[in-house]
Amino acid sequence: MATLTYVKGLPTPTEELNSLGLTEFEMFLSAYSPVFHKAACETANYLLSGQLFNKSSWNTYLQKTFGISKRHANGVISHAQGAVDASKEHRKRHTKTLEGKLTAIFR
């Protein structure tokens, strides 16, 4: 069972904000987001290509190509694998739904 927790956000002290009004963490997320997106898209395309997937070597490839840590590369792989698996499952369910509609029409 999922548990929902409410956490009240406290205002960020002004000394932690830069000239743009953002924290270091927010700046990191803004800079890392396009890198993660490109790496995830490339990983998903590779997974969909049907080639043999070696997670270890792909992890090393992502680290070298995008200049990210091993932990970040592993997160990219997990994210892309989840997206690919979810899309395949969605496609199967959608096909079953359409088949059900067709059989209902021709009864």
N, C-alpha and C. Protein backbone atom coordinates (compact mmCIF):
# COMPACT_ATOMS: atom_id res chain seq x y z
N MET A 1 0.84 -1.16 0.00
CA MET A 1 0.00 0.00 0.00
C MET A 1 0.90 1.24 0.00
N ALA A 2 0.56 2.19 -0.83
CA ALA A 2 1.33 3.42 -0.92
C ALA A 2 0.97 4.36 0.23
N THR A 3 1.96 5.06 0.72
CA THR A 3 1.74 6.02 1.79
C THR A 3 2.04 7.41 1.26
N LEU A 4 1.10 8.30 1.42
CA LEU A 4 1.31 9.68 1.01
C LEU A 4 1.79 10.49 2.20
N THR A 5 2.80 11.27 1.99
CA THR A 5 3.36 12.09 3.05
C THR A 5 3.38 13.53 2.58
N TYR A 6 2.98 14.42 3.45
CA TYR A 6 3.00 15.84 3.12
C TYR A 6 4.24 16.46 3.75
N VAL A 7 5.01 17.15 2.95
CA VAL A 7 6.19 17.85 3.45
C VAL A 7 6.03 19.31 3.09
N LYS A 8 6.04 20.15 4.12
CA LYS A 8 5.89 21.59 3.88
C LYS A 8 7.22 22.14 3.38
N GLY A 9 7.19 22.82 2.26
CA GLY A 9 8.40 23.41 1.71
C GLY A 9 8.77 24.67 2.48
N LEU A 10 10.00 24.73 2.90
CA LEU A 10 10.47 25.92 3.60
C LEU A 10 11.11 26.86 2.60
N PRO A 11 11.02 28.15 2.80
CA PRO A 11 11.66 29.08 1.87
C PRO A 11 13.18 28.90 1.89
N THR A 12 13.78 29.00 0.73
CA THR A 12 15.23 28.86 0.62
C THR A 12 15.88 30.16 1.09
N PRO A 13 16.87 30.04 1.96
CA PRO A 13 17.58 31.27 2.40
C PRO A 13 18.22 31.97 1.21
N THR A 14 18.20 33.29 1.21
CA THR A 14 18.70 34.06 0.07
C THR A 14 20.18 33.83 -0.17
N GLU A 15 20.96 33.50 0.84
CA GLU A 15 22.39 33.27 0.63
C GLU A 15 22.66 31.98 -0.16
N GLU A 16 21.66 31.10 -0.26
CA GLU A 16 21.82 29.87 -1.04
C GLU A 16 21.43 30.06 -2.51
N LEU A 17 20.90 31.20 -2.86
CA LEU A 17 20.45 31.47 -4.22
C LEU A 17 21.53 32.22 -4.99
N ASN A 18 21.64 31.88 -6.28
CA ASN A 18 22.60 32.61 -7.13
C ASN A 18 21.92 33.82 -7.75
N SER A 19 22.58 34.46 -8.68
CA SER A 19 22.02 35.68 -9.29
C SER A 19 20.75 35.41 -10.10
N LEU A 20 20.53 34.16 -10.50
CA LEU A 20 19.32 33.80 -11.23
C LEU A 20 18.17 33.43 -10.30
N GLY A 21 18.45 33.37 -9.01
CA GLY A 21 17.43 32.99 -8.04
C GLY A 21 17.28 31.49 -7.91
N LEU A 22 18.30 30.74 -8.29
CA LEU A 22 18.25 29.27 -8.23
C LEU A 22 19.32 28.75 -7.29
N THR A 23 19.07 27.56 -6.74
CA THR A 23 20.07 26.91 -5.88
C THR A 23 21.05 26.14 -6.76
N GLU A 24 22.12 25.67 -6.15
CA GLU A 24 23.10 24.86 -6.89
C GLU A 24 22.45 23.60 -7.45
N PHE A 25 21.57 22.99 -6.65
CA PHE A 25 20.90 21.77 -7.10
C PHE A 25 20.01 22.04 -8.31
N GLU A 26 19.28 23.13 -8.29
CA GLU A 26 18.44 23.49 -9.43
C GLU A 26 19.28 23.76 -10.68
N MET A 27 20.43 24.35 -10.49
CA MET A 27 21.34 24.59 -11.62
C MET A 27 21.86 23.27 -12.18
N PHE A 28 22.20 22.34 -11.28
CA PHE A 28 22.65 21.02 -11.71
C PHE A 28 21.57 20.33 -12.53
N LEU A 29 20.34 20.34 -12.02
CA LEU A 29 19.25 19.68 -12.74
C LEU A 29 19.02 20.31 -14.11
N SER A 30 19.11 21.61 -14.21
CA SER A 30 18.95 22.29 -15.50
C SER A 30 20.04 21.90 -16.48
N ALA A 31 21.27 21.76 -15.98
CA ALA A 31 22.39 21.40 -16.85
C ALA A 31 22.38 19.92 -17.21
N TYR A 32 21.95 19.08 -16.29
CA TYR A 32 22.01 17.62 -16.49
C TYR A 32 20.84 17.10 -17.33
N SER A 33 19.73 17.78 -17.29
CA SER A 33 18.53 17.32 -17.97
C SER A 33 18.73 17.02 -19.46
N PRO A 34 19.34 17.90 -20.27
CA PRO A 34 19.53 17.57 -21.69
C PRO A 34 20.49 16.40 -21.91
N VAL A 35 21.48 16.26 -21.03
CA VAL A 35 22.42 15.14 -21.14
C VAL A 35 21.68 13.83 -20.89
N PHE A 36 20.90 13.79 -19.82
CA PHE A 36 20.13 12.59 -19.49
C PHE A 36 19.17 12.24 -20.62
N HIS A 37 18.50 13.25 -21.16
CA HIS A 37 17.53 13.02 -22.24
C HIS A 37 18.20 12.40 -23.46
N LYS A 38 19.33 12.96 -23.89
CA LYS A 38 20.04 12.42 -25.06
C LYS A 38 20.51 11.00 -24.80
N ALA A 39 21.06 10.75 -23.63
CA ALA A 39 21.55 9.41 -23.31
C ALA A 39 20.40 8.41 -23.24
N ALA A 40 19.27 8.82 -22.67
CA ALA A 40 18.12 7.93 -22.56
C ALA A 40 17.53 7.62 -23.94
N CYS A 41 17.45 8.62 -24.81
CA CYS A 41 16.93 8.39 -26.17
C CYS A 41 17.84 7.45 -26.95
N GLU A 42 19.15 7.65 -26.83
CA GLU A 42 20.09 6.79 -27.53
C GLU A 42 20.01 5.36 -27.00
N THR A 43 19.86 5.22 -25.70
CA THR A 43 19.73 3.88 -25.10
C THR A 43 18.44 3.19 -25.54
N ALA A 44 17.33 3.93 -25.53
CA ALA A 44 16.06 3.35 -25.96
C ALA A 44 16.12 2.92 -27.42
N ASN A 45 16.72 3.75 -28.27
CA ASN A 45 16.86 3.39 -29.69
C ASN A 45 17.71 2.14 -29.86
N TYR A 46 18.76 2.02 -29.07
CA TYR A 46 19.62 0.84 -29.15
C TYR A 46 18.85 -0.40 -28.69
N LEU A 47 18.07 -0.27 -27.61
CA LEU A 47 17.29 -1.40 -27.12
C LEU A 47 16.25 -1.83 -28.15
N LEU A 48 15.68 -0.88 -28.85
CA LEU A 48 14.66 -1.19 -29.86
C LEU A 48 15.25 -1.69 -31.16
N SER A 49 16.56 -1.52 -31.34
CA SER A 49 17.19 -1.94 -32.60
C SER A 49 17.27 -3.46 -32.75
N GLY A 50 17.14 -4.17 -31.63
CA GLY A 50 17.17 -5.63 -31.70
C GLY A 50 18.56 -6.21 -31.58
N GLN A 51 19.58 -5.37 -31.46
CA GLN A 51 20.94 -5.86 -31.29
C GLN A 51 21.11 -6.42 -29.88
N LEU A 52 22.10 -7.29 -29.71
CA LEU A 52 22.39 -7.87 -28.42
C LEU A 52 22.80 -6.77 -27.45
N PHE A 53 22.15 -6.71 -26.29
CA PHE A 53 22.40 -5.65 -25.33
C PHE A 53 23.24 -6.17 -24.17
N ASN A 54 24.43 -5.59 -24.01
CA ASN A 54 25.30 -5.90 -22.89
C ASN A 54 25.30 -4.68 -21.98
N LYS A 55 24.66 -4.80 -20.83
CA LYS A 55 24.48 -3.65 -19.94
C LYS A 55 25.81 -3.05 -19.49
N SER A 56 26.77 -3.89 -19.20
CA SER A 56 28.06 -3.41 -18.71
C SER A 56 28.79 -2.57 -19.76
N SER A 57 28.85 -3.08 -20.97
CA SER A 57 29.55 -2.33 -22.02
C SER A 57 28.77 -1.07 -22.40
N TRP A 58 27.44 -1.13 -22.37
CA TRP A 58 26.64 0.05 -22.68
C TRP A 58 26.82 1.11 -21.59
N ASN A 59 26.93 0.66 -20.35
CA ASN A 59 27.16 1.57 -19.24
C ASN A 59 28.48 2.31 -19.45
N THR A 60 29.52 1.58 -19.83
CA THR A 60 30.82 2.19 -20.10
C THR A 60 30.73 3.16 -21.27
N TYR A 61 30.01 2.77 -22.32
CA TYR A 61 29.82 3.64 -23.48
C TYR A 61 29.17 4.96 -23.08
N LEU A 62 28.10 4.89 -22.26
CA LEU A 62 27.41 6.10 -21.83
C LEU A 62 28.33 7.00 -21.00
N GLN A 63 29.13 6.38 -20.14
CA GLN A 63 30.06 7.16 -19.31
C GLN A 63 31.05 7.94 -20.17
N LYS A 64 31.60 7.26 -21.17
CA LYS A 64 32.60 7.90 -22.03
C LYS A 64 31.96 8.93 -22.97
N THR A 65 30.84 8.59 -23.56
CA THR A 65 30.20 9.45 -24.55
C THR A 65 29.63 10.72 -23.93
N PHE A 66 28.94 10.57 -22.80
CA PHE A 66 28.23 11.71 -22.21
C PHE A 66 28.93 12.29 -20.99
N GLY A 67 30.05 11.69 -20.58
CA GLY A 67 30.81 12.22 -19.45
C GLY A 67 30.04 12.16 -18.15
N ILE A 68 29.32 11.06 -17.92
CA ILE A 68 28.52 10.91 -16.70
C ILE A 68 29.10 9.80 -15.84
N SER A 69 28.70 9.76 -14.59
CA SER A 69 29.20 8.75 -13.67
C SER A 69 28.54 7.40 -13.94
N LYS A 70 29.11 6.36 -13.36
CA LYS A 70 28.56 5.01 -13.53
C LYS A 70 27.14 4.94 -12.97
N ARG A 71 26.92 5.57 -11.84
CA ARG A 71 25.59 5.57 -11.22
C ARG A 71 24.57 6.27 -12.12
N HIS A 72 24.95 7.40 -12.71
CA HIS A 72 24.03 8.11 -13.61
C HIS A 72 23.77 7.28 -14.87
N ALA A 73 24.81 6.64 -15.40
CA ALA A 73 24.63 5.80 -16.58
C ALA A 73 23.68 4.64 -16.29
N ASN A 74 23.80 4.06 -15.10
CA ASN A 74 22.91 2.98 -14.72
C ASN A 74 21.47 3.48 -14.61
N GLY A 75 21.29 4.69 -14.11
CA GLY A 75 19.95 5.29 -14.05
C GLY A 75 19.37 5.53 -15.43
N VAL A 76 20.21 5.94 -16.37
CA VAL A 76 19.76 6.15 -17.75
C VAL A 76 19.29 4.82 -18.34
N ILE A 77 20.07 3.78 -18.14
CA ILE A 77 19.72 2.45 -18.68
C ILE A 77 18.41 1.96 -18.07
N SER A 78 18.26 2.09 -16.76
CA SER A 78 17.03 1.65 -16.10
C SER A 78 15.82 2.42 -16.60
N HIS A 79 15.99 3.73 -16.75
CA HIS A 79 14.89 4.57 -17.25
C HIS A 79 14.49 4.17 -18.67
N ALA A 80 15.47 4.00 -19.54
CA ALA A 80 15.19 3.64 -20.93
C ALA A 80 14.58 2.25 -21.03
N GLN A 81 15.11 1.30 -20.25
CA GLN A 81 14.57 -0.07 -20.27
C GLN A 81 13.12 -0.07 -19.81
N GLY A 82 12.82 0.70 -18.77
CA GLY A 82 11.44 0.81 -18.30
C GLY A 82 10.51 1.41 -19.34
N ALA A 83 10.99 2.43 -20.03
CA ALA A 83 10.17 3.06 -21.07
C ALA A 83 9.91 2.11 -22.23
N VAL A 84 10.92 1.37 -22.63
CA VAL A 84 10.77 0.41 -23.74
C VAL A 84 9.82 -0.71 -23.34
N ASP A 85 10.01 -1.27 -22.16
CA ASP A 85 9.14 -2.35 -21.69
C ASP A 85 7.69 -1.88 -21.56
N ALA A 86 7.50 -0.67 -21.03
CA ALA A 86 6.15 -0.13 -20.86
C ALA A 86 5.48 0.10 -22.21
N SER A 87 6.24 0.58 -23.19
CA SER A 87 5.63 0.83 -24.50
C SER A 87 5.24 -0.49 -25.19
N LYS A 88 6.07 -1.51 -25.01
CA LYS A 88 5.73 -2.81 -25.60
C LYS A 88 4.47 -3.38 -24.95
N GLU A 89 4.39 -3.27 -23.62
CA GLU A 89 3.21 -3.76 -22.90
C GLU A 89 1.96 -2.96 -23.30
N HIS A 90 2.11 -1.66 -23.44
CA HIS A 90 0.98 -0.82 -23.84
C HIS A 90 0.49 -1.22 -25.23
N ARG A 91 1.44 -1.48 -26.13
CA ARG A 91 1.06 -1.87 -27.50
C ARG A 91 0.27 -3.16 -27.49
N LYS A 92 0.68 -4.14 -26.67
CA LYS A 92 -0.04 -5.42 -26.57
C LYS A 92 -1.46 -5.20 -26.05
N ARG A 93 -1.58 -4.39 -25.00
CA ARG A 93 -2.90 -4.14 -24.42
C ARG A 93 -3.79 -3.37 -25.38
N HIS A 94 -3.23 -2.43 -26.10
CA HIS A 94 -4.01 -1.66 -27.06
C HIS A 94 -4.50 -2.56 -28.18
N THR A 95 -3.66 -3.48 -28.64
CA THR A 95 -4.05 -4.43 -29.68
C THR A 95 -5.20 -5.30 -29.19
N LYS A 96 -5.13 -5.78 -27.94
CA LYS A 96 -6.22 -6.59 -27.39
C LYS A 96 -7.51 -5.79 -27.31
N THR A 97 -7.42 -4.53 -26.93
CA THR A 97 -8.59 -3.67 -26.86
C THR A 97 -9.23 -3.51 -28.23
N LEU A 98 -8.40 -3.26 -29.24
CA LEU A 98 -8.93 -3.11 -30.61
C LEU A 98 -9.55 -4.40 -31.11
N GLU A 99 -8.92 -5.54 -30.79
CA GLU A 99 -9.48 -6.82 -31.20
C GLU A 99 -10.84 -7.03 -30.54
N GLY A 100 -10.95 -6.65 -29.26
CA GLY A 100 -12.22 -6.78 -28.55
C GLY A 100 -13.30 -5.90 -29.18
N LYS A 101 -12.94 -4.70 -29.58
CA LYS A 101 -13.90 -3.81 -30.23
C LYS A 101 -14.35 -4.37 -31.57
N LEU A 102 -13.41 -4.94 -32.32
CA LEU A 102 -13.76 -5.52 -33.62
C LEU A 102 -14.69 -6.69 -33.47
N THR A 103 -14.43 -7.56 -32.51
CA THR A 103 -15.32 -8.72 -32.33
C THR A 103 -16.68 -8.27 -31.85
N ALA A 104 -16.75 -7.20 -31.07
CA ALA A 104 -18.05 -6.69 -30.60
C ALA A 104 -18.84 -6.10 -31.77
N ILE A 105 -18.15 -5.49 -32.71
CA ILE A 105 -18.83 -4.88 -33.86
C ILE A 105 -19.45 -5.95 -34.75
N PHE A 106 -18.75 -7.06 -34.96
CA PHE A 106 -19.19 -8.09 -35.90
C PHE A 106 -19.98 -9.21 -35.24
N ARG A 107 -20.51 -9.02 -34.08
CA ARG A 107 -21.36 -10.04 -33.44
C ARG A 107 -22.75 -9.97 -33.91
